[in-house]
Amino acid sequence: MEETIKSSMKVKIVILFFAFLAALIMIVASIRGYSIYKEHQELNELEKLTEEYLLKKYGEVNILEIKTESSIKGEQLAYVIFEDESNTSYIYGESTTGIMQIGPMPPKDEKSQYKYLE
């Protein structure tokens, strides 16, 4: 009788341990899922702000592609390719003052080749 009480107690402890472990896994997965969702929202917002900035600065410019990414350091960047310069990727990021161009950074003698260089 005493053995069944001890084994019953062990089973309860094991079940509680696995229930706690399952709850912990669900919490971690929820936090990670929310983090991915939030980053996706921020990248969409950066894409929208970059497009608005370019249309405001250059008027009706033909944008071929705007692609947003997060770097390993956590920076969120927008890579823009214009139709009339399809072999050049311009890099934009968000600063405290708004959207700003980060790249490309060509040598001084090549700057005239870039139509949208700021």
Protein backbone atom coordinates (compact mmCIF):
# COMPACT_ATOMS: atom_id res chain seq x y z
CA MET A 1 0.00 0.00 0.00
CA GLU A 2 2.78 2.35 0.91
CA GLU A 3 4.50 1.58 -2.41
CA THR A 4 1.44 2.57 -4.43
CA ILE A 5 1.25 5.88 -2.57
CA LYS A 6 4.94 6.57 -3.34
CA SER A 7 4.60 5.58 -7.00
CA SER A 8 1.38 7.58 -7.28
CA MET A 9 3.20 10.63 -5.89
CA LYS A 10 6.07 10.14 -8.37
CA VAL A 11 3.60 9.96 -11.27
CA LYS A 12 1.97 13.20 -10.11
CA ILE A 13 5.36 14.93 -9.89
CA VAL A 14 6.31 13.76 -13.40
CA ILE A 15 2.94 14.92 -14.79
CA LEU A 16 3.31 18.32 -13.09
CA PHE A 17 6.84 18.66 -14.45
CA PHE A 18 5.71 17.97 -18.03
CA ALA A 19 2.71 20.29 -17.64
CA PHE A 20 5.05 23.06 -16.45
CA LEU A 21 7.43 22.33 -19.32
CA ALA A 22 4.57 22.45 -21.86
CA ALA A 23 3.35 25.77 -20.43
CA LEU A 24 6.87 27.19 -20.58
CA ILE A 25 7.27 26.12 -24.22
CA MET A 26 3.93 27.72 -25.10
CA ILE A 27 4.93 31.00 -23.43
CA VAL A 28 8.29 31.12 -25.23
CA ALA A 29 6.65 30.27 -28.57
CA SER A 30 4.04 33.01 -28.04
CA ILE A 31 6.69 35.61 -27.26
CA ARG A 32 8.72 34.60 -30.32
CA GLY A 33 5.62 34.66 -32.54
CA TYR A 34 4.69 38.13 -31.33
CA SER A 35 8.26 39.32 -31.94
CA ILE A 36 8.15 38.06 -35.54
CA TYR A 37 4.73 39.67 -36.08
CA LYS A 38 5.91 43.02 -34.68
CA GLU A 39 9.06 43.00 -36.85
CA HIS A 40 6.94 42.27 -39.93
CA GLN A 41 4.69 45.23 -39.09
CA GLU A 42 7.70 47.53 -38.63
CA LEU A 43 9.20 46.44 -41.96
CA ASN A 44 5.89 47.12 -43.74
CA GLU A 45 5.78 50.56 -42.12
CA LEU A 46 9.36 51.28 -43.25
CA GLU A 47 8.47 50.27 -46.80
CA LYS A 48 5.46 52.60 -46.78
CA LEU A 49 7.44 55.51 -45.29
CA THR A 50 10.27 55.02 -47.79
CA GLU A 51 7.88 55.04 -50.73
CA GLU A 52 6.16 58.19 -49.42
CA TYR A 53 9.56 59.86 -48.92
CA LEU A 54 10.71 59.04 -52.45
CA LEU A 55 7.48 60.25 -54.03
CA LYS A 56 7.68 63.47 -52.03
CA LYS A 57 11.36 64.05 -52.87
CA TYR A 58 11.41 63.01 -56.54
CA GLY A 59 7.77 63.37 -57.58
CA GLU A 60 6.34 60.65 -59.79
CA VAL A 61 9.43 58.46 -59.82
CA ASN A 62 9.21 54.92 -61.21
CA ILE A 63 10.19 52.54 -58.43
CA LEU A 64 10.91 49.02 -59.63
CA GLU A 65 11.22 47.41 -56.20
CA ILE A 66 11.33 48.25 -52.50
CA LYS A 67 12.59 45.42 -50.31
CA THR A 68 12.90 45.73 -46.53
CA GLU A 69 15.11 43.62 -44.27
CA SER A 70 16.35 43.50 -40.70
CA SER A 71 20.09 43.18 -40.26
CA ILE A 72 21.80 41.05 -37.64
CA LYS A 73 22.34 44.19 -35.55
CA GLY A 74 18.61 44.90 -35.62
CA GLU A 75 18.75 47.75 -38.13
CA GLN A 76 15.81 47.88 -40.49
CA LEU A 77 16.78 48.90 -44.01
CA ALA A 78 14.88 49.46 -47.25
CA TYR A 79 16.59 48.55 -50.52
CA VAL A 80 15.18 50.54 -53.45
CA ILE A 81 15.69 49.89 -57.15
CA PHE A 82 14.48 52.51 -59.63
CA GLU A 83 13.36 51.55 -63.14
CA ASP A 84 15.84 53.85 -64.86
CA GLU A 85 18.74 52.56 -62.71
CA SER A 86 17.85 48.89 -62.43
CA ASN A 87 21.44 47.81 -61.73
CA THR A 88 21.81 50.05 -58.63
CA SER A 89 20.31 49.44 -55.21
CA TYR A 90 19.81 52.47 -52.98
CA ILE A 91 19.66 51.86 -49.24
CA TYR A 92 17.36 53.84 -46.96
CA GLY A 93 16.85 53.70 -43.22
CA GLU A 94 14.76 55.46 -40.62
CA SER A 95 16.42 58.01 -38.35
CA THR A 96 15.03 60.31 -35.68
CA THR A 97 14.37 62.94 -38.34
CA GLY A 98 12.71 60.57 -40.81
CA ILE A 99 13.85 58.50 -43.77
CA MET A 100 17.42 59.00 -44.95
CA GLN A 101 19.61 57.51 -47.65
CA ILE A 102 22.42 55.32 -46.34
CA GLY A 103 23.90 53.97 -49.56
CA PRO A 104 25.36 53.54 -52.07
CA MET A 105 28.54 55.42 -51.22
CA PRO A 106 30.47 55.58 -54.50
CA PRO A 107 33.87 57.26 -54.92
CA LYS A 108 33.69 61.01 -55.67
CA ASP A 109 34.56 60.59 -59.35
CA GLU A 110 31.63 58.16 -59.87
CA LYS A 111 28.91 60.19 -58.09
CA SER A 112 27.67 61.74 -61.33
CA GLN A 113 26.61 58.28 -62.56
CA TYR A 114 23.92 58.02 -59.86
CA LYS A 115 20.66 59.83 -60.56
CA TYR A 116 19.09 59.50 -57.08
CA LEU A 117 22.18 59.95 -54.89
CA GLU A 118 21.61 62.31 -51.97
